[in-house]
Structure formats: C-alpha cells, structure tokens
PDB file of N, CA and C in Angstrom:
ATOM      1  N   UNK A   1      22.305 215.536 -44.492  1.00  0.00           N
ATOM      2  CA  UNK A   1      22.873 214.621 -44.331  1.00  0.00           C
ATOM      3  C   UNK A   1      23.814 213.913 -45.342  1.00  0.00           C
ATOM      4  N   UNK A   2      24.974 213.560 -45.174  1.00  0.00           N
ATOM      5  CA  UNK A   2      25.724 212.673 -46.312  1.00  0.00           C
ATOM      6  C   UNK A   2      25.571 211.504 -46.431  1.00  0.00           C
ATOM      7  N   UNK A   3      25.030 211.176 -47.725  1.00  0.00           N
ATOM      8  CA  UNK A   3      24.813 209.786 -47.868  1.00  0.00           C
ATOM      9  C   UNK A   3      25.653 209.212 -49.236  1.00  0.00           C
ATOM     10  N   UNK A   4      26.901 210.293 -49.257  1.00  0.00           N
ATOM     11  CA  UNK A   4      27.735 209.686 -50.454  1.00  0.00           C
ATOM     12  C   UNK A   4      28.322 208.719 -49.856  1.00  0.00           C
ATOM     13  N   UNK A   5      28.599 207.358 -50.988  1.00  0.00           N
ATOM     14  CA  UNK A   5      29.204 206.323 -50.566  1.00  0.00           C
ATOM     15  C   UNK A   5      30.620 206.094 -51.773  1.00  0.00           C
ATOM     16  N   UNK A   6      31.531 205.632 -51.305  1.00  0.00           N
ATOM     17  CA  UNK A   6      32.864 205.368 -52.068  1.00  0.00           C
ATOM     18  C   UNK A   6      32.966 204.125 -52.154  1.00  0.00           C
ATOM     19  N   UNK A   7      33.231 203.304 -53.387  1.00  0.00           N
ATOM     20  CA  UNK A   7      33.256 201.991 -53.706  1.00  0.00           C
ATOM     21  C   UNK A   7      34.803 201.818 -54.105  1.00  0.00           C
ATOM     22  N   UNK A   8      35.397 200.834 -53.437  1.00  0.00           N
ATOM     23  CA  UNK A   8      36.637 200.368 -53.738  1.00  0.00           C
ATOM     24  C   UNK A   8      36.716 198.900 -54.264  1.00  0.00           C
ATOM     25  N   UNK A   9      36.994 198.893 -55.202  1.00  0.00           N
ATOM     26  CA  UNK A   9      36.867 197.399 -56.192  1.00  0.00           C
ATOM     27  C   UNK A   9      38.595 197.155 -56.103  1.00  0.00           C
ATOM     28  N   UNK A  10      38.615 195.944 -55.565  1.00  0.00           N
ATOM     29  CA  UNK A  10      39.883 195.310 -55.526  1.00  0.00           C
ATOM     30  C   UNK A  10      39.797 193.785 -55.458  1.00  0.00           C
ATOM     31  N   UNK A  11      41.071 192.961 -55.878  1.00  0.00           N
ATOM     32  CA  UNK A  11      40.664 191.603 -55.865  1.00  0.00           C
ATOM     33  C   UNK A  11      41.072 190.890 -54.552  1.00  0.00           C
ATOM     34  N   UNK A  12      40.610 189.828 -54.370  1.00  0.00           N
ATOM     35  CA  UNK A  12      40.705 189.077 -53.053  1.00  0.00           C
ATOM     36  C   UNK A  12      42.243 188.844 -52.677  1.00  0.00           C
ATOM     37  N   UNK A  13      43.199 188.461 -53.635  1.00  0.00           N
ATOM     38  CA  UNK A  13      44.519 188.527 -53.371  1.00  0.00           C
ATOM     39  C   UNK A  13      45.115 189.919 -52.758  1.00  0.00           C
ATOM     40  N   UNK A  14      44.830 190.833 -53.569  1.00  0.00           N
ATOM     41  CA  UNK A  14      45.321 192.244 -53.310  1.00  0.00           C
ATOM     42  C   UNK A  14      44.967 192.630 -51.811  1.00  0.00           C
ATOM     43  N   UNK A  15      43.531 192.282 -51.438  1.00  0.00           N
ATOM     44  CA  UNK A  15      43.126 192.572 -49.930  1.00  0.00           C
ATOM     45  C   UNK A  15      43.694 191.734 -49.124  1.00  0.00           C
ATOM     46  N   UNK A  16      44.089 190.544 -49.482  1.00  0.00           N
ATOM     47  CA  UNK A  16      44.790 189.736 -48.478  1.00  0.00           C
ATOM     48  C   UNK A  16      46.165 190.230 -48.097  1.00  0.00           C
ATOM     49  N   UNK A  17      46.879 190.557 -49.236  1.00  0.00           N
ATOM     50  CA  UNK A  17      48.253 191.308 -48.897  1.00  0.00           C
ATOM     51  C   UNK A  17      48.014 192.372 -47.994  1.00  0.00           C
ATOM     52  N   UNK A  18      47.128 193.248 -48.469  1.00  0.00           N
ATOM     53  CA  UNK A  18      47.139 194.654 -47.712  1.00  0.00           C
ATOM     54  C   UNK A  18      46.906 194.511 -45.909  1.00  0.00           C
ATOM     55  N   UNK A  19      45.530 193.353 -45.956  1.00  0.00           N
ATOM     56  CA  UNK A  19      45.322 192.959 -44.341  1.00  0.00           C
ATOM     57  C   UNK A  19      46.543 192.041 -43.893  1.00  0.00           C
ATOM     58  N   UNK A  20      47.065 191.436 -44.698  1.00  0.00           N
ATOM     59  CA  UNK A  20      48.447 190.945 -43.893  1.00  0.00           C
ATOM     60  C   UNK A  20      49.604 191.765 -43.416  1.00  0.00           C
ATOM     61  N   UNK A  21      49.623 192.885 -44.399  1.00  0.00           N
ATOM     62  CA  UNK A  21      50.553 193.985 -43.555  1.00  0.00           C
ATOM     63  C   UNK A  21      50.210 194.718 -42.511  1.00  0.00           C
ATOM     64  N   UNK A  22      48.974 194.311 -42.108  1.00  0.00           N
ATOM     65  CA  UNK A  22      48.529 195.333 -40.792  1.00  0.00           C
ATOM     66  C   UNK A  22      48.012 194.313 -39.848  1.00  0.00           C
ATOM     67  N   UNK A  23      47.976 192.975 -39.962  1.00  0.00           N
ATOM     68  CA  UNK A  23      47.724 191.760 -39.128  1.00  0.00           C
ATOM     69  C   UNK A  23      47.998 192.354 -37.691  1.00  0.00           C
ATOM     70  N   UNK A  24      49.486 192.313 -37.717  1.00  0.00           N
ATOM     71  CA  UNK A  24      50.035 192.495 -36.465  1.00  0.00           C
ATOM     72  C   UNK A  24      49.772 193.604 -35.478  1.00  0.00           C
ATOM     73  N   UNK A  25      49.701 194.952 -36.470  1.00  0.00           N
ATOM     74  CA  UNK A  25      49.376 196.398 -35.919  1.00  0.00           C
ATOM     75  C   UNK A  25      47.902 196.039 -35.067  1.00  0.00           C
ATOM     76  N   UNK A  26      46.956 195.757 -36.063  1.00  0.00           N
ATOM     77  CA  UNK A  26      45.714 195.652 -35.314  1.00  0.00           C
ATOM     78  C   UNK A  26      45.166 194.450 -34.269  1.00  0.00           C
ATOM     79  N   UNK A  27      46.144 193.488 -34.253  1.00  0.00           N
ATOM     80  CA  UNK A  27      45.675 192.460 -33.342  1.00  0.00           C
ATOM     81  C   UNK A  27      46.303 192.992 -32.167  1.00  0.00           C
ATOM     82  N   UNK A  28      45.610 192.537 -31.044  1.00  0.00           N
ATOM     83  CA  UNK A  28      45.902 192.696 -29.713  1.00  0.00           C
ATOM     84  C   UNK A  28      47.318 192.212 -29.524  1.00  0.00           C
ATOM     85  N   UNK A  29      48.108 193.043 -28.957  1.00  0.00           N
ATOM     86  CA  UNK A  29      49.658 192.582 -28.593  1.00  0.00           C
ATOM     87  C   UNK A  29      49.808 191.782 -27.259  1.00  0.00           C
ATOM     88  N   UNK A  30      50.365 190.776 -27.604  1.00  0.00           N
ATOM     89  CA  UNK A  30      50.658 189.535 -26.788  1.00  0.00           C
ATOM     90  C   UNK A  30      52.224 189.448 -26.443  1.00  0.00           C
ATOM     91  N   UNK A  31      52.818 190.507 -26.813  1.00  0.00           N
ATOM     92  CA  UNK A  31      54.109 190.124 -26.577  1.00  0.00           C
ATOM     93  C   UNK A  31      54.552 190.764 -25.129  1.00  0.00           C
ATOM     94  N   UNK A  32      53.866 191.148 -24.330  1.00  0.00           N
ATOM     95  CA  UNK A  32      54.194 191.794 -23.212  1.00  0.00           C
ATOM     96  C   UNK A  32      53.505 190.913 -22.172  1.00  0.00           C
ATOM     97  N   UNK A  33      52.485 190.217 -22.233  1.00  0.00           N
ATOM     98  CA  UNK A  33      51.684 189.164 -21.453  1.00  0.00           C
ATOM     99  C   UNK A  33      52.433 188.231 -20.823  1.00  0.00           C
ATOM    100  N   UNK A  34      53.627 187.495 -21.690  1.00  0.00           N
ATOM    101  CA  UNK A  34      54.564 186.673 -21.321  1.00  0.00           C
ATOM    102  C   UNK A  34      55.256 186.919 -20.244  1.00  0.00           C
ATOM    103  N   UNK A  35      56.046 187.857 -20.458  1.00  0.00           N
ATOM    104  CA  UNK A  35      57.103 188.292 -19.187  1.00  0.00           C
ATOM    105  C   UNK A  35      56.379 188.993 -17.958  1.00  0.00           C
ATOM    106  N   UNK A  36      55.134 189.503 -18.192  1.00  0.00           N
ATOM    107  CA  UNK A  36      54.508 190.005 -17.132  1.00  0.00           C
ATOM    108  C   UNK A  36      54.062 188.903 -16.177  1.00  0.00           C
ATOM    109  N   UNK A  37      53.152 187.907 -16.795  1.00  0.00           N
ATOM    110  CA  UNK A  37      52.798 186.853 -15.958  1.00  0.00           C
ATOM    111  C   UNK A  37      53.856 186.161 -15.239  1.00  0.00           C
ATOM    112  N   UNK A  38      55.315 185.762 -16.168  1.00  0.00           N
ATOM    113  CA  UNK A  38      56.205 185.483 -15.554  1.00  0.00           C
ATOM    114  C   UNK A  38      56.784 185.883 -14.317  1.00  0.00           C
ATOM    115  N   UNK A  39      56.930 187.152 -14.593  1.00  0.00           N
ATOM    116  CA  UNK A  39      57.369 188.046 -13.392  1.00  0.00           C
ATOM    117  C   UNK A  39      56.408 188.175 -12.207  1.00  0.00           C
ATOM    118  N   UNK A  40      55.200 188.023 -12.385  1.00  0.00           N
ATOM    119  CA  UNK A  40      54.337 187.926 -11.250  1.00  0.00           C
ATOM    120  C   UNK A  40      54.660 186.757 -10.641  1.00  0.00           C
ATOM    121  N   UNK A  41      54.520 185.636 -11.399  1.00  0.00           N
ATOM    122  CA  UNK A  41      54.648 184.325 -10.477  1.00  0.00           C
ATOM    123  C   UNK A  41      56.018 184.281  -9.933  1.00  0.00           C
ATOM    124  N   UNK A  42      57.081 184.734 -10.320  1.00  0.00           N
ATOM    125  CA  UNK A  42      58.356 184.654  -9.665  1.00  0.00           C
ATOM    126  C   UNK A  42      58.538 185.526  -8.426  1.00  0.00           C
ATOM    127  N   UNK A  43      57.704 186.756  -8.448  1.00  0.00           N
ATOM    128  CA  UNK A  43      57.712 187.486  -7.480  1.00  0.00           C
ATOM    129  C   UNK A  43      57.028 187.141  -6.010  1.00  0.00           C
ATOM    130  N   UNK A  44      55.492 186.258  -6.812  1.00  0.00           N
ATOM    131  CA  UNK A  44      54.925 185.884  -5.492  1.00  0.00           C
ATOM    132  C   UNK A  44      55.520 184.405  -5.065  1.00  0.00           C
ATOM    133  N   UNK A  45      56.149 183.626  -5.673  1.00  0.00           N
ATOM    134  CA  UNK A  45      57.154 182.702  -5.254  1.00  0.00           C
ATOM    135  C   UNK A  45      58.274 183.212  -4.493  1.00  0.00           C
ATOM    136  N   UNK A  46      59.007 184.050  -4.810  1.00  0.00           N
ATOM    137  CA  UNK A  46      59.995 184.813  -3.852  1.00  0.00           C
ATOM    138  C   UNK A  46      59.253 185.294  -2.777  1.00  0.00           C
ATOM    139  N   UNK A  47      57.897 185.740  -2.609  1.00  0.00           N
ATOM    140  CA  UNK A  47      57.257 186.457  -1.333  1.00  0.00           C
ATOM    141  C   UNK A  47      56.928 185.232  -0.576  1.00  0.00           C
ATOM    142  N   UNK A  48      56.427 184.213  -1.262  1.00  0.00           N
ATOM    143  CA  UNK A  48      55.878 183.184  -0.226  1.00  0.00           C
ATOM    144  C   UNK A  48      56.632 181.826  -0.079  1.00  0.00           C
ATOM    145  N   UNK A  49      57.536 181.805  -0.506  1.00  0.00           N
ATOM    146  CA  UNK A  49      58.319 180.428  -0.493  1.00  0.00           C
ATOM    147  C   UNK A  49      59.574 180.684   0.492  1.00  0.00           C
ATOM    148  N   UNK A  50      59.706 179.332   1.328  1.00  0.00           N
ATOM    149  CA  UNK A  50      60.540 179.271   2.308  1.00  0.00           C
ATOM    150  C   UNK A  50      61.799 178.555   1.702  1.00  0.00           C
ATOM    151  N   UNK A  51      62.977 179.035   1.214  1.00  0.00           N
ATOM    152  CA  UNK A  51      63.723 178.456   0.455  1.00  0.00           C
ATOM    153  C   UNK A  51      64.647 177.818   1.902  1.00  0.00           C
ATOM    154  N   UNK A  52      64.837 176.654   1.789  1.00  0.00           N
ATOM    155  CA  UNK A  52      65.706 175.907   2.571  1.00  0.00           C
ATOM    156  C   UNK A  52      67.313 176.113   2.238  1.00  0.00           C
ATOM    157  N   UNK A  53      67.561 176.357   0.910  1.00  0.00           N
ATOM    158  CA  UNK A  53      69.009 176.592   0.268  1.00  0.00           C
ATOM    159  C   UNK A  53      69.029 177.729  -0.235  1.00  0.00           C
ATOM    160  N   UNK A  54      70.259 178.440   0.173  1.00  0.00           N
ATOM    161  CA  UNK A  54      70.266 179.792  -0.535  1.00  0.00           C
ATOM    162  C   UNK A  54      70.643 179.933  -1.780  1.00  0.00           C
ATOM    163  N   UNK A  55      70.670 178.750  -2.814  1.00  0.00           N
ATOM    164  CA  UNK A  55      71.037 178.518  -4.158  1.00  0.00           C
ATOM    165  C   UNK A  55      69.879 178.607  -4.751  1.00  0.00           C
ATOM    166  N   UNK A  56      68.662 177.914  -4.028  1.00  0.00           N
ATOM    167  CA  UNK A  56      67.398 178.138  -4.572  1.00  0.00           C
ATOM    168  C   UNK A  56      66.882 179.551  -4.643  1.00  0.00           C
ATOM    169  N   UNK A  57      66.998 180.533  -3.343  1.00  0.00           N
ATOM    170  CA  UNK A  57      66.547 181.735  -3.460  1.00  0.00           C
ATOM    171  C   UNK A  57      67.633 182.454  -4.538  1.00  0.00           C
ATOM    172  N   UNK A  58      68.707 182.176  -4.635  1.00  0.00           N
ATOM    173  CA  UNK A  58      69.728 183.040  -5.442  1.00  0.00           C
ATOM    174  C   UNK A  58      69.219 182.631  -7.053  1.00  0.00           C
ATOM    175  N   UNK A  59      68.736 181.500  -7.284  1.00  0.00           N
ATOM    176  CA  UNK A  59      68.102 181.100  -8.780  1.00  0.00           C
ATOM    177  C   UNK A  59      67.219 181.686  -9.094  1.00  0.00           C
ATOM    178  N   UNK A  60      66.221 181.793  -8.133  1.00  0.00           N
ATOM    179  CA  UNK A  60      64.550 182.379  -8.156  1.00  0.00           C
ATOM    180  C   UNK A  60      64.977 184.052  -8.526  1.00  0.00           C
ATOM    181  N   UNK A  61      65.734 184.629  -7.644  1.00  0.00           N
ATOM    182  CA  UNK A  61      66.203 185.708  -7.537  1.00  0.00           C
ATOM    183  C   UNK A  61      67.178 186.452  -9.084  1.00  0.00           C
ATOM    184  N   UNK A  62      68.095 185.727  -9.617  1.00  0.00           N
ATOM    185  CA  UNK A  62      68.304 185.781 -10.948  1.00  0.00           C
ATOM    186  C   UNK A  62      67.218 185.610 -12.205  1.00  0.00           C
ATOM    187  N   UNK A  63      66.542 184.554 -11.839  1.00  0.00           N
ATOM    188  CA  UNK A  63      65.307 184.383 -12.919  1.00  0.00           C
ATOM    189  C   UNK A  63      64.669 185.793 -13.138  1.00  0.00           C
ATOM    190  N   UNK A  64      64.159 186.361 -11.724  1.00  0.00           N
ATOM    191  CA  UNK A  64      63.450 187.296 -11.425  1.00  0.00           C
ATOM    192  C   UNK A  64      63.962 188.508 -12.369  1.00  0.00           C
ATOM    193  N   UNK A  65      65.420 189.061 -12.130  1.00  0.00           N
ATOM    194  CA  UNK A  65      66.043 189.690 -12.744  1.00  0.00           C
ATOM    195  C   UNK A  65      65.881 189.686 -14.278  1.00  0.00           C
ATOM    196  N   UNK A  66      66.356 188.590 -14.546  1.00  0.00           N
ATOM    197  CA  UNK A  66      66.327 188.469 -16.271  1.00  0.00           C
ATOM    198  C   UNK A  66      65.094 188.349 -16.874  1.00  0.00           C
ATOM    199  N   UNK A  67      63.817 187.870 -16.156  1.00  0.00           N
ATOM    200  CA  UNK A  67      62.555 188.155 -16.625  1.00  0.00           C
ATOM    201  C   UNK A  67      62.145 189.642 -16.659  1.00  0.00           C
ATOM    202  N   UNK A  68      62.494 190.401 -15.559  1.00  0.00           N
ATOM    203  CA  UNK A  68      62.125 191.997 -15.289  1.00  0.00           C
ATOM    204  C   UNK A  68      62.580 192.647 -16.703  1.00  0.00           C
ATOM    205  N   UNK A  69      64.280 192.282 -16.909  1.00  0.00           N
ATOM    206  CA  UNK A  69      64.708 192.801 -18.140  1.00  0.00           C
ATOM    207  C   UNK A  69      63.970 192.335 -19.252  1.00  0.00           C
ATOM    208  N   UNK A  70      63.629 190.970 -19.532  1.00  0.00           N
ATOM    209  CA  UNK A  70      62.794 190.979 -20.507  1.00  0.00           C
ATOM    210  C   UNK A  70      61.446 191.734 -20.776  1.00  0.00           C
ATOM    211  N   UNK A  71      60.693 191.920 -19.771  1.00  0.00           N
ATOM    212  CA  UNK A  71      59.512 192.849 -19.365  1.00  0.00           C
ATOM    213  C   UNK A  71      59.971 194.151 -20.226  1.00  0.00           C
ATOM    214  N   UNK A  72      60.949 194.675 -19.770  1.00  0.00           N
ATOM    215  CA  UNK A  72      61.177 195.980 -20.061  1.00  0.00           C
ATOM    216  C   UNK A  72      61.769 195.911 -21.443  1.00  0.00           C
ATOM    217  N   UNK A  73      62.120 194.918 -22.101  1.00  0.00           N
ATOM    218  CA  UNK A  73      62.410 194.992 -23.730  1.00  0.00           C
ATOM    219  C   UNK A  73      61.329 194.977 -24.610  1.00  0.00           C
ATOM    220  N   UNK A  74      60.506 194.032 -23.739  1.00  0.00           N
ATOM    221  CA  UNK A  74      58.947 193.805 -24.462  1.00  0.00           C
ATOM    222  C   UNK A  74      58.318 195.104 -24.451  1.00  0.00           C
ATOM    223  N   UNK A  75      58.451 196.081 -23.553  1.00  0.00           N
ATOM    224  CA  UNK A  75      57.536 197.073 -23.187  1.00  0.00           C
ATOM    225  C   UNK A  75      58.136 198.209 -24.332  1.00  0.00           C
ATOM    226  N   UNK A  76      59.249 198.208 -24.175  1.00  0.00           N
ATOM    227  CA  UNK A  76      60.082 199.262 -25.301  1.00  0.00           C
ATOM    228  C   UNK A  76      59.580 198.791 -26.849  1.00  0.00           C
ATOM    229  N   UNK A  77      59.509 197.604 -27.099  1.00  0.00           N
ATOM    230  CA  UNK A  77      59.201 197.340 -28.521  1.00  0.00           C
ATOM    231  C   UNK A  77      57.938 197.415 -28.689  1.00  0.00           C
ATOM    232  N   UNK A  78      56.960 197.139 -27.930  1.00  0.00           N
ATOM    233  CA  UNK A  78      55.472 197.397 -27.861  1.00  0.00           C
ATOM    234  C   UNK A  78      55.005 198.892 -28.433  1.00  0.00           C
ATOM    235  N   UNK A  79      55.823 199.953 -27.454  1.00  0.00           N
ATOM    236  CA  UNK A  79      55.667 201.202 -27.503  1.00  0.00           C
ATOM    237  C   UNK A  79      56.463 202.053 -28.504  1.00  0.00           C
ATOM    238  N   UNK A  80      57.509 201.206 -28.955  1.00  0.00           N
ATOM    239  CA  UNK A  80      58.129 202.069 -30.190  1.00  0.00           C
ATOM    240  C   UNK A  80      57.457 201.810 -31.754  1.00  0.00           C
ATOM    241  N   UNK A  81      56.670 200.809 -32.045  1.00  0.00           N
ATOM    242  CA  UNK A  81      56.137 200.843 -33.462  1.00  0.00           C
ATOM    243  C   UNK A  81      54.889 201.634 -33.199  1.00  0.00           C
ATOM    244  N   UNK A  82      54.850 202.687 -34.088  1.00  0.00           N
ATOM    245  CA  UNK A  82      53.578 203.284 -34.704  1.00  0.00           C
ATOM    246  C   UNK A  82      52.033 202.520 -34.725  1.00  0.00           C
ATOM    247  N   UNK A  83      50.848 202.987 -34.373  1.00  0.00           N
ATOM    248  CA  UNK A  83      49.940 202.255 -34.506  1.00  0.00           C
ATOM    249  C   UNK A  83      49.207 202.801 -35.865  1.00  0.00           C
ATOM    250  N   UNK A  84      49.078 201.892 -36.681  1.00  0.00           N
ATOM    251  CA  UNK A  84      48.325 202.567 -37.800  1.00  0.00           C
ATOM    252  C   UNK A  84      46.823 202.590 -37.738  1.00  0.00           C
ATOM    253  N   UNK A  85      46.412 203.245 -38.353  1.00  0.00           N
ATOM    254  CA  UNK A  85      44.714 203.455 -38.070  1.00  0.00           C
ATOM    255  C   UNK A  85      44.380 203.447 -39.167  1.00  0.00           C
ATOM    256  N   UNK A  86      42.877 203.101 -38.903  1.00  0.00           N
ATOM    257  CA  UNK A  86      42.155 202.743 -40.444  1.00  0.00           C
ATOM    258  C   UNK A  86      42.285 203.307 -41.539  1.00  0.00           C
ATOM    259  N   UNK A  87      42.630 204.708 -41.724  1.00  0.00           N
ATOM    260  CA  UNK A  87      42.574 205.549 -42.682  1.00  0.00           C
ATOM    261  C   UNK A  87      43.714 205.037 -43.488  1.00  0.00           C
ATOM    262  N   UNK A  88      44.925 204.978 -42.875  1.00  0.00           N
ATOM    263  CA  UNK A  88      46.268 204.262 -43.657  1.00  0.00           C
ATOM    264  C   UNK A  88      45.720 202.963 -44.145  1.00  0.00           C
ATOM    265  N   UNK A  89      45.168 202.038 -43.420  1.00  0.00           N
ATOM    266  CA  UNK A  89      44.568 200.779 -44.179  1.00  0.00           C
ATOM    267  C   UNK A  89      43.850 201.037 -45.408  1.00  0.00           C
ATOM    268  N   UNK A  90      43.012 201.917 -45.349  1.00  0.00           N
ATOM    269  CA  UNK A  90      42.151 202.155 -46.298  1.00  0.00           C
ATOM    270  C   UNK A  90      42.929 202.903 -47.446  1.00  0.00           C
ATOM    271  N   UNK A  91      43.712 203.824 -47.278  1.00  0.00           N
ATOM    272  CA  UNK A  91      44.584 204.396 -48.332  1.00  0.00           C
ATOM    273  C   UNK A  91      45.533 203.286 -49.114  1.00  0.00           C
ATOM    274  N   UNK A  92      46.196 202.410 -48.157  1.00  0.00           N
ATOM    275  CA  UNK A  92      46.811 201.477 -49.008  1.00  0.00           C
ATOM    276  C   UNK A  92      45.908 200.312 -50.089  1.00  0.00           C
ATOM    277  N   UNK A  93      44.850 199.999 -49.510  1.00  0.00           N
ATOM    278  CA  UNK A  93      43.886 199.321 -50.426  1.00  0.00           C
ATOM    279  C   UNK A  93      43.587 200.207 -51.501  1.00  0.00           C
ATOM    280  N   UNK A  94      43.379 201.564 -51.277  1.00  0.00           N
ATOM    281  CA  UNK A  94      42.845 202.290 -52.139  1.00  0.00           C
ATOM    282  C   UNK A  94      43.899 202.295 -53.305  1.00  0.00           C
ATOM    283  N   UNK A  95      45.381 202.489 -53.127  1.00  0.00           N
ATOM    284  CA  UNK A  95      46.172 202.438 -53.755  1.00  0.00           C
ATOM    285  C   UNK A  95      46.534 201.229 -54.617  1.00  0.00           C
ATOM    286  N   UNK A  96      45.961 200.013 -54.014  1.00  0.00           N
ATOM    287  CA  UNK A  96      46.136 198.766 -54.645  1.00  0.00           C
ATOM    288  C   UNK A  96      45.030 198.266 -55.619  1.00  0.00           C
ATOM    289  N   UNK A  97      43.791 199.045 -55.553  1.00  0.00           N
ATOM    290  CA  UNK A  97      42.784 198.857 -56.422  1.00  0.00           C
ATOM    291  C   UNK A  97      43.028 199.279 -57.719  1.00  0.00           C
ATOM    292  N   UNK A  98      42.142 198.654 -58.793  1.00  0.00           N
ATOM    293  CA  UNK A  98      42.267 198.485 -60.077  1.00  0.00           C
ATOM    294  C   UNK A  98      41.649 200.042 -60.627  1.00  0.00           C
ATOM    295  N   UNK A  99      40.916 200.596 -59.936  1.00  0.00           N
ATOM    296  CA  UNK A  99      40.409 202.056 -59.950  1.00  0.00           C
ATOM    297  C   UNK A  99      41.574 202.773 -59.991  1.00  0.00           C
ATOM    298  N   UNK A 100      42.590 203.001 -59.052  1.00  0.00           N
ATOM    299  CA  UNK A 100      43.767 203.772 -59.059  1.00  0.00           C
ATOM    300  C   UNK A 100      44.368 203.529 -60.394  1.00  0.00           C
ATOM    301  N   UNK A 101      44.119 202.578 -61.388  1.00  0.00           N
ATOM    302  CA  UNK A 101      45.094 202.339 -62.704  1.00  0.00           C
ATOM    303  C   UNK A 101      44.173 202.318 -63.604  1.00  0.00           C
ATOM    304  N   UNK A 102      42.800 202.191 -63.747  1.00  0.00           N
ATOM    305  CA  UNK A 102      42.176 202.335 -64.760  1.00  0.00           C
ATOM    306  C   UNK A 102      40.685 203.225 -64.749  1.00  0.00           C
ATOM    307  N   UNK A 103      40.894 204.377 -63.802  1.00  0.00           N
ATOM    308  CA  UNK A 103      39.754 204.915 -63.905  1.00  0.00           C
ATOM    309  C   UNK A 103      38.620 204.406 -62.825  1.00  0.00           C
ATOM    310  N   UNK A 104      37.552 205.348 -62.462  1.00  0.00           N
ATOM    311  CA  UNK A 104      36.572 205.177 -61.930  1.00  0.00           C
ATOM    312  C   UNK A 104      35.598 204.218 -62.181  1.00  0.00           C
ATOM    313  N   UNK A 105      35.158 203.178 -61.482  1.00  0.00           N
ATOM    314  CA  UNK A 105      33.955 202.288 -62.204  1.00  0.00           C
ATOM    315  C   UNK A 105      32.797 203.177 -61.971  1.00  0.00           C
ATOM    316  N   UNK A 106      31.935 202.431 -62.840  1.00  0.00           N
ATOM    317  CA  UNK A 106      30.523 203.136 -62.796  1.00  0.00           C
ATOM    318  C   UNK A 106      29.736 202.538 -61.534  1.00  0.00           C
ATOM    319  N   UNK A 107      28.900 203.553 -60.705  1.00  0.00           N
ATOM    320  CA  UNK A 107      28.325 202.603 -59.628  1.00  0.00           C
ATOM    321  C   UNK A 107      27.268 201.734 -60.029  1.00  0.00           C
ATOM    322  N   UNK A 108      27.075 200.950 -59.101  1.00  0.00           N
ATOM    323  CA  UNK A 108      26.076 199.932 -59.457  1.00  0.00           C
ATOM    324  C   UNK A 108      24.888 200.584 -58.917  1.00  0.00           C
ATOM    325  N   UNK A 109      23.780 200.465 -60.029  1.00  0.00           N
ATOM    326  CA  UNK A 109      22.419 201.361 -60.000  1.00  0.00           C
ATOM    327  C   UNK A 109      21.501 200.459 -59.342  1.00  0.00           C
ATOM    328  N   UNK A 110      21.356 199.060 -59.435  1.00  0.00           N
ATOM    329  CA  UNK A 110      19.978 198.410 -58.985  1.00  0.00           C
ATOM    330  C   UNK A 110      20.513 197.882 -57.552  1.00  0.00           C
ATOM    331  N   UNK A 111      21.664 197.948 -57.036  1.00  0.00           N
ATOM    332  CA  UNK A 111      21.548 197.657 -55.444  1.00  0.00           C
ATOM    333  C   UNK A 111      21.521 196.216 -55.451  1.00  0.00           C
ATOM    334  N   UNK A 112      22.412 195.250 -56.472  1.00  0.00           N
ATOM    335  CA  UNK A 112      23.047 193.725 -56.525  1.00  0.00           C
ATOM    336  C   UNK A 112      24.177 193.993 -56.637  1.00  0.00           C
ATOM    337  N   UNK A 113      24.909 193.034 -55.957  1.00  0.00           N
ATOM    338  CA  UNK A 113      26.340 192.990 -56.087  1.00  0.00           C
ATOM    339  C   UNK A 113      26.466 192.309 -57.440  1.00  0.00           C
ATOM    340  N   UNK A 114      27.641 192.877 -58.009  1.00  0.00           N
ATOM    341  CA  UNK A 114      27.952 192.287 -59.311  1.00  0.00           C
ATOM    342  C   UNK A 114      29.641 192.478 -59.232  1.00  0.00           C
ATOM    343  N   UNK A 115      30.226 191.287 -60.029  1.00  0.00           N
ATOM    344  CA  UNK A 115      31.502 191.244 -60.060  1.00  0.00           C
ATOM    345  C   UNK A 115      32.390 192.545 -60.926  1.00  0.00           C
ATOM    346  N   UNK A 116      33.369 192.730 -60.618  1.00  0.00           N
ATOM    347  CA  UNK A 116      33.967 193.989 -61.262  1.00  0.00           C
ATOM    348  C   UNK A 116      34.342 193.467 -63.013  1.00  0.00           C
ATOM    349  N   UNK A 117      34.393 192.301 -62.961  1.00  0.00           N
ATOM    350  CA  UNK A 117      34.475 192.107 -64.618  1.00  0.00           C
ATOM    351  C   UNK A 117      33.250 192.431 -65.366  1.00  0.00           C
ATOM    352  N   UNK A 118      32.023 192.471 -64.760  1.00  0.00           N
ATOM    353  CA  UNK A 118      30.784 192.690 -65.243  1.00  0.00           C
ATOM    354  C   UNK A 118      30.343 194.194 -65.371  1.00  0.00           C
ATOM    355  N   UNK A 119      31.386 195.021 -64.504  1.00  0.00           N
ATOM    356  CA  UNK A 119      30.894 196.355 -64.382  1.00  0.00           C
ATOM    357  C   UNK A 119      31.576 196.726 -65.630  1.00  0.00           C
ATOM    358  N   UNK A 120      31.188 197.968 -66.259  1.00  0.00           N
ATOM    359  CA  UNK A 120      31.870 198.639 -67.455  1.00  0.00           C
ATOM    360  C   UNK A 120      32.643 199.624 -67.003  1.00  0.00           C
ATOM    361  N   UNK A 121      33.689 200.002 -67.861  1.00  0.00           N
ATOM    362  CA  UNK A 121      34.224 201.366 -67.391  1.00  0.00           C
ATOM    363  C   UNK A 121      33.759 202.826 -68.015  1.00  0.00           C
ATOM    364  N   UNK A 122      33.684 203.738 -67.219  1.00  0.00           N
ATOM    365  CA  UNK A 122      33.189 204.785 -67.659  1.00  0.00           C
ATOM    366  C   UNK A 122      34.148 205.792 -68.779  1.00  0.00           C
TER     367      UNK A 122
END
C-alpha cells in the first residue's frame, strides 16, 4: 500500500490566484441554460398560443430564430474550451509554491500543523 504523501506549501494569495484561474472551468456551466430555457418557452408559446394578429406570430417566430442562434453560439463556445483537470491545477499550484524556488521543506513529524515560516529548510 502506498502511504507516501506529498506536501505543497503555498501562500494564501498565490492559492487564490491559482484557483481564480480555474474557477470558471470547474464551475458548472450556466451559459447554455438561459438560451435553452428561453427557446423552450418560445416554442411552447408558438405551439399553444392562438395569435389573433399575424404580426405577433411573426414576432415570436423571429425571436425563436434569434434565440436558437444564441443557443448554437453558446453550445459552440461551451464545447470549444478544453476542460482542465485536477492534475493541471495541482501542477500550477506546485509551480507557484516556495518549494519550487527554495527546495523541499522538511516534513512535519509531530502531526501538528505548522506555518511555513516555522519550518526549517533542509
């Protein structure tokens, strides 16, 4: 059984910067939800409404076409961005840690958390 653990020491500010870069990528995408629900609403309106004036029917038809185009644009933008994985995020964080500049930190042997400034370099 592999029980080796790797410790990464990084300041809070640097971690915030790294997580901010990946926030949108890891968050559930809502850019497709608005055009999809609007399109469903317009399609249901077209299917169930009895338009007395042709102008209203044409207006809803035009809006449906525009929202359909909006949905297509949102789907292509959503699919064109490569999704980063956790390994990419860890690699970025490791690249920002002081260990990458000053060398490996001595592991904490007593099991208590210590601040990076209280640890001694090897």
